[in-house]
Amino acid sequence: MSTPLVGAYLRVARAYEHFRDLDDLLNTFIVSRLNEAPVVDLDPQTFLPPVIGITGAVTAMAGVLTGELIQNLRVALDYLVFELAKFDSGGTEQDGTQFPIDDSCDYFTLHSTKFTKNGKLNPRNLLPGLSGPHIAAIKALQPYK
């Protein structure tokens, strides 16, 4: 028997693979630079050293891996909300579900309220079909908290 969250678990596992690949890439880069003497030219206007960063292909690949890692974790959260909405709705799939990531209480309210102030269905609701306790649990995880 398959769990409804198999997609979410697979996305988290894939994100972990990207994290391991990113860690390996950065560690290999750092180790390759350990025996090099750093050359730092001071900025002629501030007399401070420039920010020393990873460049070239390493930077590009680190960006790709970081983006894929974040995307997989984001999709896993969306899978979770979809399955919670389906569970809370007695098995009925809900359209438009998404895990909200909001930086204010007002935005979270906008994304978690079934009806607008005018009593119409809220087209911005990302949590249709979710029960009060599940909405409260998601609210507790918001960045503004």
N, C-alpha and C. Protein backbone atom coordinates (compact mmCIF):
# COMPACT_ATOMS: atom_id res chain seq x y z
N MET A 1 0.85 -1.19 0.00
CA MET A 1 0.00 0.00 0.00
C MET A 1 0.89 1.24 0.00
N SER A 2 0.57 2.18 -0.85
CA SER A 2 1.35 3.41 -0.99
C SER A 2 0.76 4.51 -0.12
N THR A 3 1.61 5.30 0.48
CA THR A 3 1.15 6.43 1.27
C THR A 3 0.78 7.59 0.34
N PRO A 4 -0.22 8.37 0.67
CA PRO A 4 -0.58 9.52 -0.17
C PRO A 4 0.55 10.55 -0.27
N LEU A 5 1.47 10.52 0.67
CA LEU A 5 2.54 11.51 0.70
C LEU A 5 3.83 11.02 0.04
N VAL A 6 3.73 9.95 -0.75
CA VAL A 6 4.95 9.42 -1.38
C VAL A 6 5.63 10.49 -2.23
N GLY A 7 4.87 11.32 -2.92
CA GLY A 7 5.46 12.40 -3.72
C GLY A 7 6.24 13.38 -2.87
N ALA A 8 5.68 13.72 -1.70
CA ALA A 8 6.37 14.64 -0.80
C ALA A 8 7.65 14.01 -0.27
N TYR A 9 7.58 12.74 0.13
CA TYR A 9 8.78 12.05 0.62
C TYR A 9 9.86 11.99 -0.45
N LEU A 10 9.47 11.72 -1.69
CA LEU A 10 10.44 11.66 -2.78
C LEU A 10 11.08 13.02 -3.04
N ARG A 11 10.30 14.08 -2.93
CA ARG A 11 10.85 15.43 -3.12
C ARG A 11 11.84 15.79 -2.01
N VAL A 12 11.53 15.40 -0.77
CA VAL A 12 12.45 15.67 0.33
C VAL A 12 13.73 14.86 0.14
N ALA A 13 13.60 13.61 -0.29
CA ALA A 13 14.78 12.78 -0.54
C ALA A 13 15.63 13.39 -1.65
N ARG A 14 14.99 13.89 -2.69
CA ARG A 14 15.74 14.51 -3.79
C ARG A 14 16.42 15.79 -3.32
N ALA A 15 15.75 16.56 -2.48
CA ALA A 15 16.36 17.77 -1.93
C ALA A 15 17.60 17.41 -1.11
N TYR A 16 17.52 16.32 -0.37
CA TYR A 16 18.67 15.86 0.42
C TYR A 16 19.83 15.49 -0.50
N GLU A 17 19.52 14.84 -1.63
CA GLU A 17 20.57 14.51 -2.60
C GLU A 17 21.23 15.78 -3.13
N HIS A 18 20.42 16.80 -3.43
CA HIS A 18 20.99 18.07 -3.90
C HIS A 18 21.85 18.71 -2.81
N PHE A 19 21.42 18.61 -1.57
CA PHE A 19 22.20 19.18 -0.47
C PHE A 19 23.54 18.47 -0.36
N ARG A 20 23.53 17.14 -0.45
CA ARG A 20 24.79 16.38 -0.42
C ARG A 20 25.70 16.76 -1.58
N ASP A 21 25.13 16.89 -2.78
CA ASP A 21 25.92 17.28 -3.95
C ASP A 21 26.51 18.68 -3.76
N LEU A 22 25.72 19.59 -3.22
CA LEU A 22 26.19 20.96 -2.96
C LEU A 22 27.31 20.94 -1.93
N ASP A 23 27.14 20.18 -0.87
CA ASP A 23 28.16 20.06 0.17
C ASP A 23 29.45 19.49 -0.42
N ASP A 24 29.34 18.44 -1.23
CA ASP A 24 30.53 17.86 -1.87
C ASP A 24 31.22 18.87 -2.78
N LEU A 25 30.44 19.60 -3.58
CA LEU A 25 31.00 20.59 -4.50
C LEU A 25 31.77 21.66 -3.74
N LEU A 26 31.16 22.19 -2.69
CA LEU A 26 31.82 23.26 -1.94
C LEU A 26 33.03 22.75 -1.17
N ASN A 27 32.93 21.56 -0.59
CA ASN A 27 34.08 21.00 0.13
C ASN A 27 35.24 20.72 -0.82
N THR A 28 34.96 20.21 -1.99
CA THR A 28 36.01 19.96 -2.98
C THR A 28 36.67 21.27 -3.39
N PHE A 29 35.86 22.29 -3.60
CA PHE A 29 36.40 23.60 -3.96
C PHE A 29 37.29 24.15 -2.85
N ILE A 30 36.82 24.08 -1.62
CA ILE A 30 37.59 24.62 -0.49
C ILE A 30 38.90 23.87 -0.33
N VAL A 31 38.86 22.54 -0.38
CA VAL A 31 40.07 21.74 -0.22
C VAL A 31 41.07 22.05 -1.35
N SER A 32 40.56 22.27 -2.56
CA SER A 32 41.45 22.57 -3.68
C SER A 32 42.15 23.91 -3.51
N ARG A 33 41.60 24.78 -2.69
CA ARG A 33 42.17 26.12 -2.48
C ARG A 33 43.01 26.24 -1.21
N LEU A 34 43.08 25.19 -0.40
CA LEU A 34 43.77 25.30 0.88
C LEU A 34 45.25 25.64 0.75
N ASN A 35 45.91 25.13 -0.26
CA ASN A 35 47.35 25.35 -0.40
C ASN A 35 47.69 26.58 -1.23
N GLU A 36 46.69 27.30 -1.69
CA GLU A 36 46.94 28.51 -2.45
C GLU A 36 47.05 29.71 -1.51
N ALA A 37 48.01 30.55 -1.78
CA ALA A 37 48.13 31.79 -1.01
C ALA A 37 47.13 32.79 -1.56
N PRO A 38 46.23 33.29 -0.72
CA PRO A 38 45.25 34.24 -1.25
C PRO A 38 45.91 35.56 -1.63
N VAL A 39 45.51 36.07 -2.76
CA VAL A 39 45.97 37.38 -3.21
C VAL A 39 44.79 38.33 -3.07
N VAL A 40 44.96 39.31 -2.23
CA VAL A 40 43.86 40.24 -1.98
C VAL A 40 44.33 41.64 -2.31
N ASP A 41 43.71 42.23 -3.30
CA ASP A 41 43.98 43.63 -3.63
C ASP A 41 42.94 44.47 -2.92
N LEU A 42 43.39 45.49 -2.22
CA LEU A 42 42.46 46.36 -1.51
C LEU A 42 41.75 47.27 -2.50
N ASP A 43 40.50 47.54 -2.21
CA ASP A 43 39.74 48.48 -3.02
C ASP A 43 40.38 49.86 -2.86
N PRO A 44 40.71 50.53 -3.97
CA PRO A 44 41.42 51.81 -3.86
C PRO A 44 40.59 52.94 -3.22
N GLN A 45 39.27 52.78 -3.21
CA GLN A 45 38.44 53.83 -2.60
C GLN A 45 38.17 53.57 -1.13
N THR A 46 37.94 52.31 -0.76
CA THR A 46 37.59 52.01 0.64
C THR A 46 38.75 51.44 1.44
N PHE A 47 39.81 50.99 0.74
CA PHE A 47 40.95 50.33 1.36
C PHE A 47 40.57 49.07 2.12
N LEU A 48 39.46 48.47 1.71
CA LEU A 48 39.00 47.21 2.29
C LEU A 48 39.19 46.11 1.26
N PRO A 49 39.38 44.87 1.74
CA PRO A 49 39.48 43.77 0.78
C PRO A 49 38.12 43.49 0.15
N PRO A 50 38.10 43.08 -1.11
CA PRO A 50 36.82 42.72 -1.73
C PRO A 50 36.28 41.45 -1.09
N VAL A 51 34.99 41.23 -1.26
CA VAL A 51 34.40 40.00 -0.75
C VAL A 51 34.99 38.85 -1.53
N ILE A 52 35.53 37.88 -0.82
CA ILE A 52 36.11 36.72 -1.48
C ILE A 52 35.00 35.70 -1.65
N GLY A 53 34.71 35.32 -2.87
CA GLY A 53 33.61 34.40 -3.13
C GLY A 53 34.01 33.31 -4.09
N ILE A 54 33.12 32.37 -4.27
CA ILE A 54 33.34 31.28 -5.21
C ILE A 54 32.93 31.79 -6.58
N THR A 55 33.74 31.51 -7.60
CA THR A 55 33.45 32.07 -8.91
C THR A 55 33.32 30.99 -9.97
N GLY A 56 32.93 31.45 -11.17
CA GLY A 56 32.93 30.58 -12.33
C GLY A 56 31.93 29.45 -12.26
N ALA A 57 32.37 28.29 -12.73
CA ALA A 57 31.51 27.12 -12.83
C ALA A 57 31.02 26.66 -11.46
N VAL A 58 31.86 26.82 -10.45
CA VAL A 58 31.46 26.40 -9.10
C VAL A 58 30.27 27.24 -8.64
N THR A 59 30.32 28.54 -8.89
CA THR A 59 29.21 29.42 -8.52
C THR A 59 27.94 29.03 -9.27
N ALA A 60 28.07 28.79 -10.56
CA ALA A 60 26.90 28.43 -11.36
C ALA A 60 26.28 27.12 -10.88
N MET A 61 27.12 26.11 -10.66
CA MET A 61 26.60 24.82 -10.22
C MET A 61 26.02 24.91 -8.81
N ALA A 62 26.66 25.68 -7.93
CA ALA A 62 26.12 25.85 -6.58
C ALA A 62 24.75 26.51 -6.64
N GLY A 63 24.57 27.46 -7.55
CA GLY A 63 23.26 28.10 -7.73
C GLY A 63 22.21 27.14 -8.23
N VAL A 64 22.59 26.30 -9.19
CA VAL A 64 21.66 25.30 -9.72
C VAL A 64 21.24 24.33 -8.62
N LEU A 65 22.20 23.81 -7.88
CA LEU A 65 21.88 22.84 -6.82
C LEU A 65 21.04 23.47 -5.72
N THR A 66 21.36 24.70 -5.36
CA THR A 66 20.58 25.39 -4.32
C THR A 66 19.15 25.61 -4.79
N GLY A 67 18.99 26.04 -6.02
CA GLY A 67 17.65 26.26 -6.57
C GLY A 67 16.84 24.98 -6.61
N GLU A 68 17.47 23.89 -7.05
CA GLU A 68 16.76 22.61 -7.12
C GLU A 68 16.42 22.09 -5.72
N LEU A 69 17.31 22.29 -4.78
CA LEU A 69 17.06 21.88 -3.39
C LEU A 69 15.83 22.62 -2.85
N ILE A 70 15.82 23.93 -3.01
CA ILE A 70 14.70 24.74 -2.50
C ILE A 70 13.41 24.38 -3.21
N GLN A 71 13.47 24.20 -4.53
CA GLN A 71 12.27 23.86 -5.30
C GLN A 71 11.67 22.53 -4.83
N ASN A 72 12.51 21.53 -4.59
CA ASN A 72 12.00 20.24 -4.14
C ASN A 72 11.37 20.33 -2.75
N LEU A 73 11.95 21.12 -1.86
CA LEU A 73 11.34 21.29 -0.54
C LEU A 73 10.01 22.03 -0.64
N ARG A 74 9.96 23.03 -1.52
CA ARG A 74 8.73 23.80 -1.72
C ARG A 74 7.62 22.91 -2.26
N VAL A 75 7.94 22.08 -3.24
CA VAL A 75 6.95 21.17 -3.83
C VAL A 75 6.48 20.15 -2.79
N ALA A 76 7.38 19.69 -1.93
CA ALA A 76 6.98 18.75 -0.88
C ALA A 76 5.93 19.38 0.04
N LEU A 77 6.09 20.66 0.36
CA LEU A 77 5.09 21.35 1.18
C LEU A 77 3.75 21.44 0.45
N ASP A 78 3.81 21.68 -0.86
CA ASP A 78 2.57 21.74 -1.64
C ASP A 78 1.88 20.38 -1.69
N TYR A 79 2.65 19.30 -1.83
CA TYR A 79 2.08 17.96 -1.78
C TYR A 79 1.36 17.75 -0.45
N LEU A 80 1.99 18.16 0.63
CA LEU A 80 1.42 18.00 1.97
C LEU A 80 0.08 18.71 2.08
N VAL A 81 0.01 19.96 1.63
CA VAL A 81 -1.25 20.72 1.72
C VAL A 81 -2.33 20.06 0.86
N PHE A 82 -1.97 19.61 -0.33
CA PHE A 82 -2.93 18.94 -1.21
C PHE A 82 -3.53 17.71 -0.51
N GLU A 83 -2.67 16.90 0.09
CA GLU A 83 -3.15 15.67 0.75
C GLU A 83 -3.93 15.99 2.02
N LEU A 84 -3.53 17.01 2.76
CA LEU A 84 -4.30 17.40 3.95
C LEU A 84 -5.70 17.87 3.55
N ALA A 85 -5.77 18.67 2.48
CA ALA A 85 -7.07 19.17 2.01
C ALA A 85 -7.95 18.01 1.56
N LYS A 86 -7.38 17.06 0.88
CA LYS A 86 -8.12 15.88 0.43
C LYS A 86 -8.61 15.07 1.63
N PHE A 87 -7.74 14.88 2.60
CA PHE A 87 -8.11 14.14 3.82
C PHE A 87 -9.22 14.86 4.58
N ASP A 88 -9.04 16.16 4.80
CA ASP A 88 -10.03 16.94 5.56
C ASP A 88 -11.36 17.05 4.83
N SER A 89 -11.36 16.88 3.51
CA SER A 89 -12.58 16.97 2.70
C SER A 89 -13.22 15.62 2.45
N GLY A 90 -12.80 14.61 3.20
CA GLY A 90 -13.39 13.29 3.06
C GLY A 90 -13.02 12.59 1.76
N GLY A 91 -11.83 12.90 1.22
CA GLY A 91 -11.36 12.24 0.02
C GLY A 91 -11.58 13.02 -1.26
N THR A 92 -12.19 14.20 -1.18
CA THR A 92 -12.43 15.02 -2.36
C THR A 92 -11.20 15.89 -2.63
N GLU A 93 -10.66 15.78 -3.84
CA GLU A 93 -9.51 16.61 -4.21
C GLU A 93 -9.94 18.07 -4.32
N GLN A 94 -9.09 18.95 -3.82
CA GLN A 94 -9.36 20.39 -3.83
C GLN A 94 -8.45 21.07 -4.84
N ASP A 95 -9.01 21.95 -5.65
CA ASP A 95 -8.21 22.71 -6.62
C ASP A 95 -7.56 23.91 -5.95
N GLY A 96 -6.38 24.27 -6.43
CA GLY A 96 -5.73 25.50 -6.00
C GLY A 96 -5.02 25.43 -4.66
N THR A 97 -4.71 24.23 -4.19
CA THR A 97 -4.01 24.15 -2.91
C THR A 97 -2.54 24.49 -3.10
N GLN A 98 -1.99 25.12 -2.08
CA GLN A 98 -0.57 25.47 -2.07
C GLN A 98 -0.19 25.81 -0.65
N PHE A 99 1.04 25.50 -0.27
CA PHE A 99 1.51 25.88 1.05
C PHE A 99 1.87 27.36 1.02
N PRO A 100 1.14 28.19 1.77
CA PRO A 100 1.46 29.62 1.76
C PRO A 100 2.75 29.89 2.54
N ILE A 101 3.53 30.81 2.04
CA ILE A 101 4.72 31.28 2.76
C ILE A 101 4.58 32.79 2.80
N ASP A 102 4.07 33.28 3.92
CA ASP A 102 3.70 34.69 4.03
C ASP A 102 4.52 35.41 5.09
N ASP A 103 4.81 36.68 4.80
CA ASP A 103 5.60 37.47 5.73
C ASP A 103 4.75 38.42 6.58
N SER A 104 3.43 38.26 6.52
CA SER A 104 2.57 39.05 7.40
C SER A 104 1.29 38.26 7.69
N CYS A 105 0.69 38.59 8.81
CA CYS A 105 -0.57 37.95 9.20
C CYS A 105 -1.66 38.27 8.19
N ASP A 106 -1.66 39.49 7.66
CA ASP A 106 -2.68 39.88 6.67
C ASP A 106 -2.61 39.01 5.42
N TYR A 107 -1.39 38.75 4.93
CA TYR A 107 -1.25 37.90 3.75
C TYR A 107 -1.69 36.47 4.05
N PHE A 108 -1.33 35.99 5.25
CA PHE A 108 -1.75 34.63 5.58
C PHE A 108 -3.28 34.55 5.64
N THR A 109 -3.91 35.54 6.23
CA THR A 109 -5.37 35.57 6.29
C THR A 109 -5.96 35.57 4.88
N LEU A 110 -5.37 36.35 3.99
CA LEU A 110 -5.82 36.39 2.60
C LEU A 110 -5.71 35.01 1.94
N HIS A 111 -4.64 34.29 2.27
CA HIS A 111 -4.38 32.99 1.64
C HIS A 111 -5.04 31.81 2.36
N SER A 112 -5.73 32.07 3.46
CA SER A 112 -6.31 30.96 4.22
C SER A 112 -7.78 31.14 4.56
N THR A 113 -8.41 32.16 4.00
CA THR A 113 -9.81 32.44 4.29
C THR A 113 -10.68 32.00 3.12
N LYS A 114 -11.77 31.28 3.43
CA LYS A 114 -12.64 30.74 2.39
C LYS A 114 -13.42 31.83 1.66
N PHE A 115 -13.87 32.83 2.42
CA PHE A 115 -14.71 33.87 1.82
C PHE A 115 -14.06 35.24 1.95
N THR A 116 -14.37 36.12 1.01
CA THR A 116 -13.91 37.51 1.08
C THR A 116 -14.81 38.26 2.06
N LYS A 117 -14.50 39.52 2.30
CA LYS A 117 -15.33 40.35 3.18
C LYS A 117 -16.72 40.55 2.61
N ASN A 118 -16.85 40.40 1.30
CA ASN A 118 -18.15 40.55 0.63
C ASN A 118 -18.96 39.25 0.64
N GLY A 119 -18.42 38.19 1.23
CA GLY A 119 -19.12 36.92 1.29
C GLY A 119 -18.96 36.04 0.05
N LYS A 120 -18.10 36.46 -0.88
CA LYS A 120 -17.85 35.66 -2.08
C LYS A 120 -16.69 34.69 -1.81
N LEU A 121 -16.62 33.62 -2.62
CA LEU A 121 -15.50 32.70 -2.49
C LEU A 121 -14.20 33.45 -2.76
N ASN A 122 -13.24 33.24 -1.91
CA ASN A 122 -11.95 33.93 -2.00
C ASN A 122 -11.07 33.23 -3.04
N PRO A 123 -10.79 33.87 -4.18
CA PRO A 123 -9.97 33.24 -5.21
C PRO A 123 -8.50 33.12 -4.81
N ARG A 124 -8.09 33.79 -3.76
CA ARG A 124 -6.70 33.74 -3.31
C ARG A 124 -6.47 32.73 -2.19
N ASN A 125 -7.52 31.99 -1.83
CA ASN A 125 -7.40 30.98 -0.78
C ASN A 125 -6.53 29.83 -1.28
N LEU A 126 -5.43 29.59 -0.60
CA LEU A 126 -4.52 28.50 -0.95
C LEU A 126 -4.77 27.24 -0.13
N LEU A 127 -5.67 27.33 0.84
CA LEU A 127 -5.93 26.20 1.74
C LEU A 127 -7.38 25.74 1.69
N PRO A 128 -7.97 25.60 0.49
CA PRO A 128 -9.37 25.16 0.44
C PRO A 128 -9.51 23.74 0.97
N GLY A 129 -10.53 23.54 1.76
CA GLY A 129 -10.81 22.20 2.28
C GLY A 129 -10.08 21.84 3.55
N LEU A 130 -9.10 22.64 3.97
CA LEU A 130 -8.35 22.31 5.18
C LEU A 130 -9.15 22.61 6.44
N SER A 131 -8.98 21.77 7.44
CA SER A 131 -9.65 21.96 8.73
C SER A 131 -8.97 23.09 9.51
N GLY A 132 -9.66 23.61 10.50
CA GLY A 132 -9.12 24.66 11.36
C GLY A 132 -7.80 24.28 12.01
N PRO A 133 -7.70 23.08 12.61
CA PRO A 133 -6.42 22.70 13.22
C PRO A 133 -5.26 22.62 12.23
N HIS A 134 -5.54 22.17 11.00
CA HIS A 134 -4.46 22.11 10.00
C HIS A 134 -4.06 23.52 9.55
N ILE A 135 -5.03 24.40 9.41
CA ILE A 135 -4.71 25.79 9.05
C ILE A 135 -3.89 26.43 10.17
N ALA A 136 -4.27 26.17 11.41
CA ALA A 136 -3.52 26.72 12.56
C ALA A 136 -2.09 26.20 12.59
N ALA A 137 -1.89 24.93 12.26
CA ALA A 137 -0.54 24.35 12.24
C ALA A 137 0.31 25.00 11.16
N ILE A 138 -0.28 25.25 10.00
CA ILE A 138 0.44 25.91 8.91
C ILE A 138 0.74 27.37 9.28
N LYS A 139 -0.22 28.01 9.93
CA LYS A 139 -0.01 29.40 10.37
C LYS A 139 1.18 29.51 11.32
N ALA A 140 1.32 28.52 12.19
CA ALA A 140 2.41 28.54 13.16
C ALA A 140 3.79 28.44 12.49
N LEU A 141 3.83 27.96 11.25
CA LEU A 141 5.10 27.80 10.54
C LEU A 141 5.45 28.98 9.64
N GLN A 142 4.62 30.01 9.63
CA GLN A 142 4.84 31.13 8.72
C GLN A 142 6.03 31.99 9.14
N PRO A 143 6.74 32.56 8.17
CA PRO A 143 7.91 33.39 8.48
C PRO A 143 7.62 34.56 9.41
N TYR A 144 6.42 35.15 9.31
CA TYR A 144 6.13 36.29 10.18
C TYR A 144 5.99 35.89 11.64
N LYS A 145 5.82 34.60 11.89
CA LYS A 145 5.71 34.12 13.27
C LYS A 145 7.09 34.08 13.90
